[in-house]
């Protein structure tokens, strides 16, 4: 999506450098790293979700426009056709 390398590194650092520890009988044990995902309640979560959703939308729109994605059908008795179309703006 054209984000500068420095910005992408900052986001990666925010997500990938979390350290946690657990208290056992009131005393902390060794720290450990959380390697994936965001912490629950992280204020970056909705923003990063929107970035990922926008990227997915652009990808699907491109694939549909160049005829590489046509959808598919699910079910035998009452088949349902699943396709992708760009949302319309009001």
Protein backbone atom coordinates (compact mmCIF):
# COMPACT_ATOMS: atom_id res chain seq x y z
CA UNK A 1 0.00 0.00 0.00
CA UNK A 2 3.02 2.27 -0.31
CA UNK A 3 3.91 2.82 3.35
CA UNK A 4 7.53 3.88 3.92
CA UNK A 5 9.94 1.27 5.28
CA UNK A 6 10.55 3.23 8.50
CA UNK A 7 6.81 3.35 9.27
CA UNK A 8 6.48 -0.40 8.68
CA UNK A 9 9.43 -1.04 11.01
CA UNK A 10 7.79 1.06 13.74
CA UNK A 11 4.54 -0.91 13.50
CA UNK A 12 6.44 -4.21 13.52
CA UNK A 13 8.35 -3.11 16.64
CA UNK A 14 5.14 -2.11 18.41
CA UNK A 15 3.60 -5.50 17.71
CA UNK A 16 6.63 -7.77 18.02
CA UNK A 17 8.53 -6.50 21.05
CA UNK A 18 6.08 -7.22 23.84
CA UNK A 19 7.54 -8.76 26.99
CA UNK A 20 5.42 -10.28 29.75
CA UNK A 21 5.99 -11.93 33.07
CA UNK A 22 3.87 -13.95 35.45
CA UNK A 23 3.68 -13.68 39.22
CA UNK A 24 3.90 -17.02 41.02
CA UNK A 25 3.02 -16.75 44.73
CA UNK A 26 3.57 -12.99 44.45
CA UNK A 27 7.06 -13.28 42.94
CA UNK A 28 7.84 -12.68 39.25
CA UNK A 29 9.30 -15.49 37.18
CA UNK A 30 11.51 -14.98 34.10
CA UNK A 31 10.20 -12.67 31.39
CA UNK A 32 9.05 -14.11 28.09
CA UNK A 33 8.34 -12.56 24.70
CA UNK A 34 4.97 -12.48 23.01
CA UNK A 35 5.77 -13.08 19.38
CA UNK A 36 2.44 -12.79 17.57
CA UNK A 37 -0.57 -10.56 17.48
CA UNK A 38 -1.72 -7.60 19.48
CA UNK A 39 -2.49 -7.52 23.15
CA UNK A 40 -6.15 -7.50 24.12
CA UNK A 41 -7.46 -3.94 24.16
CA UNK A 42 -4.52 -2.56 22.18
CA UNK A 43 -5.61 0.78 20.66
CA UNK A 44 -3.76 -0.08 17.41
CA UNK A 45 -5.98 -3.09 16.77
CA UNK A 46 -8.87 -1.38 14.93
CA UNK A 47 -6.47 0.69 12.83
CA UNK A 48 -4.41 -2.33 11.77
CA UNK A 49 -7.60 -4.29 11.03
CA UNK A 50 -8.76 -1.53 8.69
CA UNK A 51 -5.38 -1.51 6.92
CA UNK A 52 -5.57 -5.28 6.40
CA UNK A 53 -9.20 -5.09 5.24
CA UNK A 54 -8.34 -2.34 2.76
CA UNK A 55 -5.43 -4.39 1.41
CA UNK A 56 -7.70 -7.43 1.02
CA UNK A 57 -10.31 -5.30 -0.77
CA UNK A 58 -7.72 -3.93 -3.23
CA UNK A 59 -6.41 -7.45 -3.89
CA UNK A 60 -9.87 -8.94 -4.49
CA UNK A 61 -10.91 -5.99 -6.68
CA UNK A 62 -7.78 -6.42 -8.80
CA UNK A 63 -8.26 -10.20 -9.13
CA UNK A 64 -11.89 -9.71 -10.13
CA UNK A 65 -11.04 -7.01 -12.68
CA UNK A 66 -8.41 -9.16 -14.42
CA UNK A 67 -10.66 -12.26 -14.35
CA UNK A 68 -8.54 -14.32 -11.96
CA UNK A 69 -11.35 -14.67 -9.39
CA UNK A 70 -14.85 -15.71 -10.44
CA UNK A 71 -16.32 -16.91 -7.15
CA UNK A 72 -17.46 -20.40 -6.31
CA UNK A 73 -20.58 -22.38 -5.42
CA UNK A 74 -21.25 -24.02 -2.06
CA UNK A 75 -23.82 -26.76 -1.43
CA UNK A 76 -25.53 -29.44 -3.50
CA UNK A 77 -29.26 -29.37 -2.76
CA UNK A 78 -29.62 -25.59 -2.64
CA UNK A 79 -26.32 -24.22 -3.99
CA UNK A 80 -25.23 -20.74 -3.01
CA UNK A 81 -22.95 -18.76 -5.29
CA UNK A 82 -20.25 -16.69 -3.55
CA UNK A 83 -18.66 -13.86 -5.47
CA UNK A 84 -16.87 -10.61 -4.72
CA UNK A 85 -18.09 -7.18 -5.70
CA UNK A 86 -16.82 -3.77 -4.68
CA UNK A 87 -19.04 -1.95 -2.22
CA UNK A 88 -20.88 1.02 -3.61
CA UNK A 89 -20.45 4.44 -2.10
CA UNK A 90 -23.44 6.65 -1.32
